[in-house]
Amino acid sequence: MSLLDKATIITTPTAHSNGKLHSIKGGAVADFDVVRGSAATRVNAEGLIESVAINTPRIDYTTGEGVILTEPQSTNLIVNSELNNVENILVSAVSHTISFYGTGSITLSGTHSATLVGTGASDRVSLTFTPTAGTLICTDSGSVDKKQVEELSYSTSYIPTSGAITTRLGDVVTGAGDVNTFNSTEGVLYAEIASLTQDDTYRLMGLNDGSAQNRINITYNNETNELVFYCSVNNLSEFLFTKTLADTTTFHKCALSYKSNEFKVYIDGVQENVQLSGSVYPANTLDTLDFNLGNGAFPFYGKTKCIAVLKEALSDEELTCLTTI
């Protein structure tokens, strides 16, 4: 029997439709519900930016390889993103990020002084800064395309504007599986993921019972550059392991294998932790796979190449194989 035979859900950047991210194993019940409530953009397989309709999942090829892209709500404070001009933007004294494509430059003045210089027609450059409160003046020079200023500490996907600032709502990915899909008493949660940035947020995905009381999570703690593996039973911590990373924006293959008195964590083919104690769940407890804590909090904003759930705890050899790059 192969490892894929033991999986009840396997989701990769393959198939999607309006409001659905389809899993390649598990049937219709294994599909994720996707809600965004606004249009968005992605970089397609040809390297071109294209619009994506309301609630349609985004398969993004920014790095040349398809990933499931999930992002928070953000507003482009530039009024005319496709015009070369001078824009006056009212900003507060918090972190902002400016970005654009092209070979020209944007000079900032007013509440912050800096110049961002482009490196190519197809290259996106960005600058994160904290202005004083007031009016930020953005002056274009040369070829400047797809301008964006966001009240975030990093740049998100392009938000087109034409005459008014525009907001893209956050991606919400939930609801894969049911009580018959998962084996609550043992199994493996696997993900190949990367965070969007190193900021001060928690980003979670995992199994739950519709609440935060019973859950198995793989988490990015972006504030401390950690991957966190966690198991809670009846709101009591049964397993917790953290792994400090060089950064959270690099893809890692992660697996948490669980059964009574045996928890194992593997990252990129290496066993990182074993705990031979701890309770797991009664049968038919876990019924949902979500890109959040389980109650909607701390949504996973990042890039996903694969997420899967296996119905059996795996051997060391199998976990090594599953997570090897």
C-alpha atoms as a PDB file:
ATOM      1  CA  MET A   1       0.000   0.000   0.000  1.00  0.00           C
ATOM      2  CA  SER A   2       1.354   3.435  -0.960  1.00  0.00           C
ATOM      3  CA  LEU A   3       1.188   6.504   1.245  1.00  0.00           C
ATOM      4  CA  LEU A   4      -1.462   7.964  -1.075  1.00  0.00           C
ATOM      5  CA  ASP A   5      -3.712   4.984  -0.362  1.00  0.00           C
ATOM      6  CA  LYS A   6      -3.753   5.979   3.302  1.00  0.00           C
ATOM      7  CA  ALA A   7      -4.850   9.558   2.569  1.00  0.00           C
ATOM      8  CA  THR A   8      -8.453  10.684   2.857  1.00  0.00           C
ATOM      9  CA  ILE A   9      -7.807  14.184   1.491  1.00  0.00           C
ATOM     10  CA  ILE A  10      -5.110  15.403  -0.897  1.00  0.00           C
ATOM     11  CA  THR A  11      -5.373  18.980  -2.125  1.00  0.00           C
ATOM     12  CA  THR A  12      -2.906  20.569  -4.549  1.00  0.00           C
ATOM     13  CA  PRO A  13      -3.066  23.556  -6.947  1.00  0.00           C
ATOM     14  CA  THR A  14      -4.928  21.584  -9.596  1.00  0.00           C
ATOM     15  CA  ALA A  15      -8.686  22.073  -9.907  1.00  0.00           C
ATOM     16  CA  HIS A  16     -11.054  24.794  -8.755  1.00  0.00           C
ATOM     17  CA  SER A  17     -14.391  26.372  -9.564  1.00  0.00           C
ATOM     18  CA  ASN A  18     -16.359  29.316  -8.243  1.00  0.00           C
ATOM     19  CA  GLY A  19     -16.422  28.956  -4.471  1.00  0.00           C
ATOM     20  CA  LYS A  20     -14.609  25.598  -4.445  1.00  0.00           C
ATOM     21  CA  LEU A  21     -11.033  24.358  -4.186  1.00  0.00           C
ATOM     22  CA  HIS A  22     -11.275  20.754  -5.349  1.00  0.00           C
ATOM     23  CA  SER A  23      -9.268  17.973  -3.746  1.00  0.00           C
ATOM     24  CA  ILE A  24      -7.741  15.302  -5.942  1.00  0.00           C
ATOM     25  CA  LYS A  25      -8.700  12.592  -3.463  1.00  0.00           C
ATOM     26  CA  GLY A  26     -11.659  12.301  -1.142  1.00  0.00           C
ATOM     27  CA  GLY A  27     -14.585  13.119  -3.395  1.00  0.00           C
ATOM     28  CA  ALA A  28     -16.835  16.172  -3.257  1.00  0.00           C
ATOM     29  CA  VAL A  29     -16.926  16.178   0.550  1.00  0.00           C
ATOM     30  CA  ALA A  30     -13.152  16.781   0.531  1.00  0.00           C
ATOM     31  CA  ASP A  31     -13.457  20.015  -1.447  1.00  0.00           C
ATOM     32  CA  PHE A  32     -12.799  23.292   0.368  1.00  0.00           C
ATOM     33  CA  ASP A  33     -15.282  26.156   0.393  1.00  0.00           C
ATOM     34  CA  VAL A  34     -13.674  29.427  -0.711  1.00  0.00           C
ATOM     35  CA  VAL A  35     -15.116  32.836   0.100  1.00  0.00           C
ATOM     36  CA  ARG A  36     -13.476  36.161  -0.701  1.00  0.00           C
ATOM     37  CA  GLY A  37     -16.373  38.448  -1.605  1.00  0.00           C
ATOM     38  CA  SER A  38     -14.319  40.555  -4.011  1.00  0.00           C
ATOM     39  CA  ALA A  39     -12.352  40.233  -7.202  1.00  0.00           C
ATOM     40  CA  ALA A  40      -8.596  39.692  -6.978  1.00  0.00           C
ATOM     41  CA  THR A  41      -5.601  39.067  -9.209  1.00  0.00           C
ATOM     42  CA  ARG A  42      -3.064  36.326  -9.701  1.00  0.00           C
ATOM     43  CA  VAL A  43       0.013  35.673 -11.822  1.00  0.00           C
ATOM     44  CA  ASN A  44      -0.929  32.962 -14.330  1.00  0.00           C
ATOM     45  CA  ALA A  45       1.242  30.203 -15.797  1.00  0.00           C
ATOM     46  CA  GLU A  46       2.378  32.545 -18.590  1.00  0.00           C
ATOM     47  CA  GLY A  47       3.609  35.085 -16.037  1.00  0.00           C
ATOM     48  CA  LEU A  48       0.795  37.543 -16.747  1.00  0.00           C
ATOM     49  CA  ILE A  49      -1.378  39.249 -14.147  1.00  0.00           C
ATOM     50  CA  GLU A  50      -5.037  38.406 -14.591  1.00  0.00           C
ATOM     51  CA  SER A  51      -8.240  39.094 -12.704  1.00  0.00           C
ATOM     52  CA  VAL A  52      -9.992  36.372 -10.731  1.00  0.00           C
ATOM     53  CA  ALA A  53     -13.761  36.533 -10.064  1.00  0.00           C
ATOM     54  CA  ILE A  54     -15.467  36.760  -6.682  1.00  0.00           C
ATOM     55  CA  ASN A  55     -14.886  33.652  -4.504  1.00  0.00           C
ATOM     56  CA  THR A  56     -12.719  31.892  -7.091  1.00  0.00           C
ATOM     57  CA  PRO A  57      -9.551  30.308  -5.615  1.00  0.00           C
ATOM     58  CA  ARG A  58      -6.279  31.725  -6.882  1.00  0.00           C
ATOM     59  CA  ILE A  59      -3.638  29.417  -8.317  1.00  0.00           C
ATOM     60  CA  ASP A  60      -0.639  31.732  -8.485  1.00  0.00           C
ATOM     61  CA  TYR A  61       2.599  31.307 -10.487  1.00  0.00           C
ATOM     62  CA  THR A  62       4.603  34.297  -9.213  1.00  0.00           C
ATOM     63  CA  THR A  63       7.641  32.066  -8.609  1.00  0.00           C
ATOM     64  CA  GLY A  64       7.033  29.965 -11.740  1.00  0.00           C
ATOM     65  CA  GLU A  65       5.369  27.131  -9.817  1.00  0.00           C
ATOM     66  CA  GLY A  66       1.660  26.924  -9.065  1.00  0.00           C
ATOM     67  CA  VAL A  67       0.563  27.475  -5.460  1.00  0.00           C
ATOM     68  CA  ILE A  68      -2.735  28.078  -3.694  1.00  0.00           C
ATOM     69  CA  LEU A  69      -2.537  31.746  -2.712  1.00  0.00           C
ATOM     70  CA  THR A  70      -4.482  33.013   0.314  1.00  0.00           C
ATOM     71  CA  GLU A  71      -4.114  36.628   1.432  1.00  0.00           C
ATOM     72  CA  PRO A  72      -5.592  39.048   3.965  1.00  0.00           C
ATOM     73  CA  GLN A  73      -7.796  42.004   3.166  1.00  0.00           C
ATOM     74  CA  SER A  74      -5.829  44.912   1.772  1.00  0.00           C
ATOM     75  CA  THR A  75      -6.507  48.299   0.163  1.00  0.00           C
ATOM     76  CA  ASN A  76      -4.532  49.919  -2.629  1.00  0.00           C
ATOM     77  CA  LEU A  77      -4.293  53.543  -1.518  1.00  0.00           C
ATOM     78  CA  ILE A  78      -3.191  54.644  -5.005  1.00  0.00           C
ATOM     79  CA  VAL A  79      -6.163  56.176  -6.844  1.00  0.00           C
ATOM     80  CA  ASN A  80      -4.923  55.469 -10.391  1.00  0.00           C
ATOM     81  CA  SER A  81      -2.615  52.474 -10.398  1.00  0.00           C
ATOM     82  CA  GLU A  82      -1.960  52.503 -14.156  1.00  0.00           C
ATOM     83  CA  LEU A  83      -1.212  56.231 -14.613  1.00  0.00           C
ATOM     84  CA  ASN A  84       2.156  57.931 -14.326  1.00  0.00           C
ATOM     85  CA  ASN A  85       1.402  60.927 -12.150  1.00  0.00           C
ATOM     86  CA  VAL A  86       1.734  62.490  -8.709  1.00  0.00           C
ATOM     87  CA  GLU A  87      -0.509  61.045  -5.987  1.00  0.00           C
ATOM     88  CA  ASN A  88      -1.217  62.529  -2.566  1.00  0.00           C
ATOM     89  CA  ILE A  89      -2.139  59.801  -0.063  1.00  0.00           C
ATOM     90  CA  LEU A  90      -3.383  60.321   3.469  1.00  0.00           C
ATOM     91  CA  VAL A  91      -1.494  57.883   5.711  1.00  0.00           C
ATOM     92  CA  SER A  92      -1.210  57.082   9.404  1.00  0.00           C
ATOM     93  CA  ALA A  93       1.991  56.401  11.335  1.00  0.00           C
ATOM     94  CA  VAL A  94       2.051  52.630  10.788  1.00  0.00           C
ATOM     95  CA  SER A  95       3.900  50.302   8.447  1.00  0.00           C
ATOM     96  CA  HIS A  96       3.157  50.738   4.735  1.00  0.00           C
ATOM     97  CA  THR A  97       4.507  49.033   1.608  1.00  0.00           C
ATOM     98  CA  ILE A  98       4.785  50.544  -1.867  1.00  0.00           C
ATOM     99  CA  SER A  99       5.342  48.393  -4.968  1.00  0.00           C
ATOM    100  CA  PHE A 100       5.299  48.635  -8.748  1.00  0.00           C
ATOM    101  CA  TYR A 101       6.472  47.003 -11.994  1.00  0.00           C
ATOM    102  CA  GLY A 102       8.767  48.746 -14.467  1.00  0.00           C
ATOM    103  CA  THR A 103      12.110  50.430 -15.034  1.00  0.00           C
ATOM    104  CA  GLY A 104      11.192  53.862 -13.681  1.00  0.00           C
ATOM    105  CA  SER A 105      11.048  55.129 -10.120  1.00  0.00           C
ATOM    106  CA  ILE A 106       8.692  56.513  -7.504  1.00  0.00           C
ATOM    107  CA  THR A 107       9.947  59.251  -5.203  1.00  0.00           C
ATOM    108  CA  LEU A 108       8.269  59.579  -1.810  1.00  0.00           C
ATOM    109  CA  SER A 109       8.038  62.908  -0.008  1.00  0.00           C
ATOM    110  CA  GLY A 110       5.852  64.578   2.567  1.00  0.00           C
ATOM    111  CA  THR A 111       5.436  62.184   5.487  1.00  0.00           C
ATOM    112  CA  HIS A 112       8.337  59.979   4.315  1.00  0.00           C
ATOM    113  CA  SER A 113      11.337  60.468   2.053  1.00  0.00           C
ATOM    114  CA  ALA A 114      12.680  57.663  -0.153  1.00  0.00           C
ATOM    115  CA  THR A 115      13.014  56.569  -3.777  1.00  0.00           C
ATOM    116  CA  LEU A 116      12.019  53.148  -5.092  1.00  0.00           C
ATOM    117  CA  VAL A 117      13.737  52.240  -8.369  1.00  0.00           C
ATOM    118  CA  GLY A 118      12.405  49.637 -10.790  1.00  0.00           C
ATOM    119  CA  THR A 119      14.546  46.812 -12.142  1.00  0.00           C
ATOM    120  CA  GLY A 120      12.589  45.578 -15.185  1.00  0.00           C
ATOM    121  CA  ALA A 121       9.291  45.681 -17.007  1.00  0.00           C
ATOM    122  CA  SER A 122       8.281  42.310 -15.559  1.00  0.00           C
ATOM    123  CA  ASP A 123       9.911  42.811 -12.159  1.00  0.00           C
ATOM    124  CA  ARG A 124       8.002  43.935  -9.086  1.00  0.00           C
ATOM    125  CA  VAL A 125       9.968  46.017  -6.598  1.00  0.00           C
ATOM    126  CA  SER A 126       8.736  47.009  -3.152  1.00  0.00           C
ATOM    127  CA  LEU A 127       9.691  49.119  -0.160  1.00  0.00           C
ATOM    128  CA  THR A 128       8.328  48.879   3.388  1.00  0.00           C
ATOM    129  CA  PHE A 129       8.428  52.013   5.531  1.00  0.00           C
ATOM    130  CA  THR A 130       6.685  53.767   8.429  1.00  0.00           C
ATOM    131  CA  PRO A 131       5.659  57.355   7.625  1.00  0.00           C
ATOM    132  CA  THR A 132       4.541  60.039  10.001  1.00  0.00           C
ATOM    133  CA  ALA A 133       0.816  60.752   9.942  1.00  0.00           C
ATOM    134  CA  GLY A 134      -0.272  63.081   7.163  1.00  0.00           C
ATOM    135  CA  THR A 135       0.037  63.310   3.386  1.00  0.00           C
ATOM    136  CA  LEU A 136       2.446  61.039   1.529  1.00  0.00           C
ATOM    137  CA  ILE A 137       3.380  62.333  -1.933  1.00  0.00           C
ATOM    138  CA  CYS A 138       4.243  59.725  -4.587  1.00  0.00           C
ATOM    139  CA  THR A 139       5.887  61.120  -7.747  1.00  0.00           C
ATOM    140  CA  ASP A 140       6.399  58.829 -10.732  1.00  0.00           C
ATOM    141  CA  SER A 141       9.303  59.034 -13.159  1.00  0.00           C
ATOM    142  CA  GLY A 142       9.810  56.899 -16.255  1.00  0.00           C
ATOM    143  CA  SER A 143       8.096  53.544 -16.725  1.00  0.00           C
ATOM    144  CA  VAL A 144       6.001  52.851 -13.626  1.00  0.00           C
ATOM    145  CA  ASP A 145       3.186  50.293 -13.848  1.00  0.00           C
ATOM    146  CA  LYS A 146       0.722  48.667 -11.449  1.00  0.00           C
ATOM    147  CA  LYS A 147       1.450  50.972  -8.532  1.00  0.00           C
ATOM    148  CA  GLN A 148       0.318  49.935  -5.084  1.00  0.00           C
ATOM    149  CA  VAL A 149       0.531  51.392  -1.574  1.00  0.00           C
ATOM    150  CA  GLU A 150      -0.804  49.196   1.251  1.00  0.00           C
ATOM    151  CA  GLU A 151      -1.076  49.625   4.993  1.00  0.00           C
ATOM    152  CA  LEU A 152       0.842  46.393   5.526  1.00  0.00           C
ATOM    153  CA  SER A 153       4.422  45.412   6.297  1.00  0.00           C
ATOM    154  CA  TYR A 154       4.657  43.520   2.974  1.00  0.00           C
ATOM    155  CA  SER A 155       3.191  43.659  -0.514  1.00  0.00           C
ATOM    156  CA  THR A 156       0.246  41.516  -1.536  1.00  0.00           C
ATOM    157  CA  SER A 157      -1.042  40.688  -5.001  1.00  0.00           C
ATOM    158  CA  TYR A 158      -1.828  43.589  -7.310  1.00  0.00           C
ATOM    159  CA  ILE A 159      -5.077  45.490  -6.679  1.00  0.00           C
ATOM    160  CA  PRO A 160      -6.035  47.559  -9.774  1.00  0.00           C
ATOM    161  CA  THR A 161      -7.517  51.019  -9.240  1.00  0.00           C
ATOM    162  CA  SER A 162      -9.025  53.561 -11.615  1.00  0.00           C
ATOM    163  CA  GLY A 163     -10.237  56.775 -10.018  1.00  0.00           C
ATOM    164  CA  ALA A 164     -10.687  55.455  -6.467  1.00  0.00           C
ATOM    165  CA  ILE A 165      -8.862  53.375  -3.881  1.00  0.00           C
ATOM    166  CA  THR A 166      -9.913  49.716  -3.986  1.00  0.00           C
ATOM    167  CA  THR A 167     -10.086  46.968  -1.380  1.00  0.00           C
ATOM    168  CA  ARG A 168      -9.540  43.259  -1.967  1.00  0.00           C
ATOM    169  CA  LEU A 169     -11.192  41.178   0.767  1.00  0.00           C
ATOM    170  CA  GLY A 170      -9.412  38.334   2.535  1.00  0.00           C
ATOM    171  CA  ASP A 171      -9.485  34.724   1.323  1.00  0.00           C
ATOM    172  CA  VAL A 172     -11.406  32.294   3.556  1.00  0.00           C
ATOM    173  CA  VAL A 173     -10.777  28.575   2.897  1.00  0.00           C
ATOM    174  CA  THR A 174     -12.772  26.133   5.050  1.00  0.00           C
ATOM    175  CA  GLY A 175     -14.954  23.086   5.304  1.00  0.00           C
ATOM    176  CA  ALA A 176     -13.142  20.119   3.748  1.00  0.00           C
ATOM    177  CA  GLY A 177     -14.244  16.685   4.962  1.00  0.00           C
ATOM    178  CA  ASP A 178     -16.767  15.381   7.456  1.00  0.00           C
ATOM    179  CA  VAL A 179     -16.832  13.027  10.425  1.00  0.00           C
ATOM    180  CA  ASN A 180     -16.414  10.022   8.125  1.00  0.00           C
ATOM    181  CA  THR A 181     -13.410  11.471   6.295  1.00  0.00           C
ATOM    182  CA  PHE A 182     -10.955  11.478   9.170  1.00  0.00           C
ATOM    183  CA  ASN A 183      -9.694   8.968  11.672  1.00  0.00           C
ATOM    184  CA  SER A 184      -9.818  10.902  14.935  1.00  0.00           C
ATOM    185  CA  THR A 185      -7.898   8.280  16.890  1.00  0.00           C
ATOM    186  CA  GLU A 186      -4.786   8.333  14.675  1.00  0.00           C
ATOM    187  CA  GLY A 187      -3.458   9.817  11.478  1.00  0.00           C
ATOM    188  CA  VAL A 188      -1.152  12.354   9.873  1.00  0.00           C
ATOM    189  CA  LEU A 189      -1.622  15.997   8.998  1.00  0.00           C
ATOM    190  CA  TYR A 190       0.720  16.944   6.143  1.00  0.00           C
ATOM    191  CA  ALA A 191       1.319  20.305   4.462  1.00  0.00           C
ATOM    192  CA  GLU A 192       3.833  21.849   2.074  1.00  0.00           C
ATOM    193  CA  ILE A 193       3.481  25.532   2.820  1.00  0.00           C
ATOM    194  CA  ALA A 194       5.163  28.932   3.071  1.00  0.00           C
ATOM    195  CA  SER A 195       4.046  32.060   4.870  1.00  0.00           C
ATOM    196  CA  LEU A 196       3.593  35.353   3.022  1.00  0.00           C
ATOM    197  CA  THR A 197       5.976  37.300   5.212  1.00  0.00           C
ATOM    198  CA  GLN A 198       7.778  37.585   8.496  1.00  0.00           C
ATOM    199  CA  ASP A 199       5.363  39.747  10.508  1.00  0.00           C
ATOM    200  CA  ASP A 200       3.753  39.520  13.951  1.00  0.00           C
ATOM    201  CA  THR A 201       0.922  37.123  13.127  1.00  0.00           C
ATOM    202  CA  TYR A 202      -0.114  33.515  13.705  1.00  0.00           C
ATOM    203  CA  ARG A 203      -1.251  31.581  10.626  1.00  0.00           C
ATOM    204  CA  LEU A 204      -2.959  28.219  11.186  1.00  0.00           C
ATOM    205  CA  MET A 205      -4.319  25.280   9.240  1.00  0.00           C
ATOM    206  CA  GLY A 206      -5.518  21.919  10.473  1.00  0.00           C
ATOM    207  CA  LEU A 207      -8.172  19.496  11.670  1.00  0.00           C
ATOM    208  CA  ASN A 208     -10.891  20.423  14.158  1.00  0.00           C
ATOM    209  CA  ASP A 209     -14.429  19.685  15.326  1.00  0.00           C
ATOM    210  CA  GLY A 210     -15.794  23.104  14.360  1.00  0.00           C
ATOM    211  CA  SER A 211     -14.234  24.774  17.379  1.00  0.00           C
ATOM    212  CA  ALA A 212     -10.841  25.531  18.885  1.00  0.00           C
ATOM    213  CA  GLN A 213     -11.347  22.947  21.640  1.00  0.00           C
ATOM    214  CA  ASN A 214     -10.399  19.840  19.678  1.00  0.00           C
ATOM    215  CA  ARG A 215      -7.835  20.497  16.977  1.00  0.00           C
ATOM    216  CA  ILE A 216      -4.584  19.477  15.320  1.00  0.00           C
ATOM    217  CA  ASN A 217      -2.735  22.423  13.831  1.00  0.00           C
ATOM    218  CA  ILE A 218       0.347  23.324  11.864  1.00  0.00           C
ATOM    219  CA  THR A 219       1.031  26.989  12.563  1.00  0.00           C
ATOM    220  CA  TYR A 220       3.372  29.735  11.478  1.00  0.00           C
ATOM    221  CA  ASN A 221       4.336  32.071  14.296  1.00  0.00           C
ATOM    222  CA  ASN A 222       5.724  34.762  12.032  1.00  0.00           C
ATOM    223  CA  GLU A 223       6.786  36.999  14.896  1.00  0.00           C
ATOM    224  CA  THR A 224       9.394  34.491  16.083  1.00  0.00           C
ATOM    225  CA  ASN A 225       9.988  32.611  12.787  1.00  0.00           C
ATOM    226  CA  GLU A 226       8.617  29.368  14.162  1.00  0.00           C
ATOM    227  CA  LEU A 227       6.651  26.419  12.863  1.00  0.00           C
ATOM    228  CA  VAL A 228       4.338  25.234  15.628  1.00  0.00           C
ATOM    229  CA  PHE A 229       2.740  21.774  15.828  1.00  0.00           C
ATOM    230  CA  TYR A 230      -0.138  21.491  18.280  1.00  0.00           C
ATOM    231  CA  CYS A 231      -2.767  19.034  19.498  1.00  0.00           C
ATOM    232  CA  SER A 232      -5.593  20.089  21.807  1.00  0.00           C
ATOM    233  CA  VAL A 233      -8.119  17.608  23.285  1.00  0.00           C
ATOM    234  CA  ASN A 234     -11.098  19.100  25.115  1.00  0.00           C
ATOM    235  CA  ASN A 235      -9.195  22.394  25.253  1.00  0.00           C
ATOM    236  CA  LEU A 236      -6.195  20.766  26.968  1.00  0.00           C
ATOM    237  CA  SER A 237      -2.780  20.785  25.331  1.00  0.00           C
ATOM    238  CA  GLU A 238      -1.653  17.213  24.643  1.00  0.00           C
ATOM    239  CA  PHE A 239       1.213  18.029  22.301  1.00  0.00           C
ATOM    240  CA  LEU A 240       3.225  21.145  21.464  1.00  0.00           C
ATOM    241  CA  PHE A 241       6.433  21.443  19.480  1.00  0.00           C
ATOM    242  CA  THR A 242       8.030  24.524  17.952  1.00  0.00           C
ATOM    243  CA  LYS A 243      10.792  24.679  15.348  1.00  0.00           C
ATOM    244  CA  THR A 244      12.678  27.912  14.750  1.00  0.00           C
ATOM    245  CA  LEU A 245      13.310  28.644  11.067  1.00  0.00           C
ATOM    246  CA  ALA A 246      15.686  30.937   9.225  1.00  0.00           C
ATOM    247  CA  ASP A 247      12.552  32.556   7.808  1.00  0.00           C
ATOM    248  CA  THR A 248       8.896  31.639   7.294  1.00  0.00           C
ATOM    249  CA  THR A 249       8.668  32.458   3.592  1.00  0.00           C
ATOM    250  CA  THR A 250      10.563  29.347   2.414  1.00  0.00           C
ATOM    251  CA  PHE A 251       8.514  26.252   1.572  1.00  0.00           C
ATOM    252  CA  HIS A 252       8.715  23.364   4.016  1.00  0.00           C
ATOM    253  CA  LYS A 253       7.210  19.864   3.927  1.00  0.00           C
ATOM    254  CA  CYS A 254       5.698  19.292   7.374  1.00  0.00           C
ATOM    255  CA  ALA A 255       4.006  16.289   8.953  1.00  0.00           C
ATOM    256  CA  LEU A 256       2.444  15.725  12.371  1.00  0.00           C
ATOM    257  CA  SER A 257       1.690  12.051  13.047  1.00  0.00           C
ATOM    258  CA  TYR A 258      -0.640  11.390  15.974  1.00  0.00           C
ATOM    259  CA  LYS A 259      -2.014   8.471  17.931  1.00  0.00           C
ATOM    260  CA  SER A 260      -2.414   7.681  21.614  1.00  0.00           C
ATOM    261  CA  ASN A 261       0.942   8.104  23.397  1.00  0.00           C
ATOM    262  CA  GLU A 262       2.834   8.768  20.157  1.00  0.00           C
ATOM    263  CA  PHE A 263       3.266  12.126  18.455  1.00  0.00           C
ATOM    264  CA  LYS A 264       5.929  12.702  15.791  1.00  0.00           C
ATOM    265  CA  VAL A 265       6.980  15.785  13.840  1.00  0.00           C
ATOM    266  CA  TYR A 266       8.944  15.607  10.586  1.00  0.00           C
ATOM    267  CA  ILE A 267      10.124  18.609   8.567  1.00  0.00           C
ATOM    268  CA  ASP A 268      11.842  18.230   5.191  1.00  0.00           C
ATOM    269  CA  GLY A 269      12.750  14.595   5.772  1.00  0.00           C
ATOM    270  CA  VAL A 270      14.122  15.060   9.284  1.00  0.00           C
ATOM    271  CA  GLN A 271      12.555  13.823  12.507  1.00  0.00           C
ATOM    272  CA  GLU A 272      12.287  16.907  14.696  1.00  0.00           C
ATOM    273  CA  ASN A 273      10.369  15.607  17.693  1.00  0.00           C
ATOM    274  CA  VAL A 274       8.869  12.462  19.257  1.00  0.00           C
ATOM    275  CA  GLN A 275       6.600  12.421  22.301  1.00  0.00           C
ATOM    276  CA  LEU A 276       5.553   9.025  23.709  1.00  0.00           C
ATOM    277  CA  SER A 277       2.688  10.306  25.845  1.00  0.00           C
ATOM    278  CA  GLY A 278      -0.541  12.210  25.383  1.00  0.00           C
ATOM    279  CA  SER A 279      -4.185  11.530  24.585  1.00  0.00           C
ATOM    280  CA  VAL A 280      -5.909  11.863  21.250  1.00  0.00           C
ATOM    281  CA  TYR A 281      -9.580  12.036  20.288  1.00  0.00           C
ATOM    282  CA  PRO A 282     -12.504   9.661  20.617  1.00  0.00           C
ATOM    283  CA  ALA A 283     -13.704   8.237  17.328  1.00  0.00           C
ATOM    284  CA  ASN A 284     -15.778  10.604  15.166  1.00  0.00           C
ATOM    285  CA  THR A 285     -14.544  13.790  16.835  1.00  0.00           C
ATOM    286  CA  LEU A 286     -12.610  15.566  14.100  1.00  0.00           C
ATOM    287  CA  ASP A 287     -14.786  16.498  11.141  1.00  0.00           C
ATOM    288  CA  THR A 288     -13.297  19.496   9.326  1.00  0.00           C
ATOM    289  CA  LEU A 289     -10.077  20.614   7.656  1.00  0.00           C
ATOM    290  CA  ASP A 290      -9.737  24.415   7.629  1.00  0.00           C
ATOM    291  CA  PHE A 291      -7.214  27.105   6.805  1.00  0.00           C
ATOM    292  CA  ASN A 292      -7.670  28.610  10.302  1.00  0.00           C
ATOM    293  CA  LEU A 293      -7.775  27.823  14.030  1.00  0.00           C
ATOM    294  CA  GLY A 294     -11.089  25.980  13.789  1.00  0.00           C
ATOM    295  CA  ASN A 295     -13.322  28.852  14.866  1.00  0.00           C
ATOM    296  CA  GLY A 296     -12.311  31.192  12.038  1.00  0.00           C
ATOM    297  CA  ALA A 297      -9.527  32.949  13.929  1.00  0.00           C
ATOM    298  CA  PHE A 298      -5.911  33.209  12.728  1.00  0.00           C
ATOM    299  CA  PRO A 299      -6.568  32.285   9.075  1.00  0.00           C
ATOM    300  CA  PHE A 300      -3.693  30.818   7.098  1.00  0.00           C
ATOM    301  CA  TYR A 301      -2.462  33.491   4.721  1.00  0.00           C
ATOM    302  CA  GLY A 302       0.327  32.064   2.648  1.00  0.00           C
ATOM    303  CA  LYS A 303       1.198  29.737  -0.196  1.00  0.00           C
ATOM    304  CA  THR A 304       0.213  26.069  -0.273  1.00  0.00           C
ATOM    305  CA  LYS A 305       1.569  23.414  -2.623  1.00  0.00           C
ATOM    306  CA  CYS A 306      -0.174  20.518  -0.885  1.00  0.00           C
ATOM    307  CA  ILE A 307      -2.260  19.710   2.161  1.00  0.00           C
ATOM    308  CA  ALA A 308      -3.233  16.131   2.969  1.00  0.00           C
ATOM    309  CA  VAL A 309      -4.667  14.018   5.763  1.00  0.00           C
ATOM    310  CA  LEU A 310      -3.808  10.339   6.195  1.00  0.00           C
ATOM    311  CA  LYS A 311      -6.002   7.969   8.167  1.00  0.00           C
ATOM    312  CA  GLU A 312      -3.135   6.092   9.845  1.00  0.00           C
ATOM    313  CA  ALA A 313      -0.144   7.146  11.918  1.00  0.00           C
ATOM    314  CA  LEU A 314       2.987   6.490   9.859  1.00  0.00           C
ATOM    315  CA  SER A 315       6.282   4.773  10.572  1.00  0.00           C
ATOM    316  CA  ASP A 316       9.525   6.715  10.739  1.00  0.00           C
ATOM    317  CA  GLU A 317      10.483   5.485   7.285  1.00  0.00           C
ATOM    318  CA  GLU A 318       7.135   6.571   5.831  1.00  0.00           C
ATOM    319  CA  LEU A 319       7.293  10.014   7.450  1.00  0.00           C
ATOM    320  CA  THR A 320      10.807  10.500   6.131  1.00  0.00           C
ATOM    321  CA  CYS A 321       9.650   9.603   2.635  1.00  0.00           C
ATOM    322  CA  LEU A 322       6.547  11.819   2.868  1.00  0.00           C
ATOM    323  CA  THR A 323       8.467  14.930   3.876  1.00  0.00           C
ATOM    324  CA  THR A 324      11.675  14.523   1.899  1.00  0.00           C
ATOM    325  CA  ILE A 325      12.293  17.346  -0.565  1.00  0.00           C
END
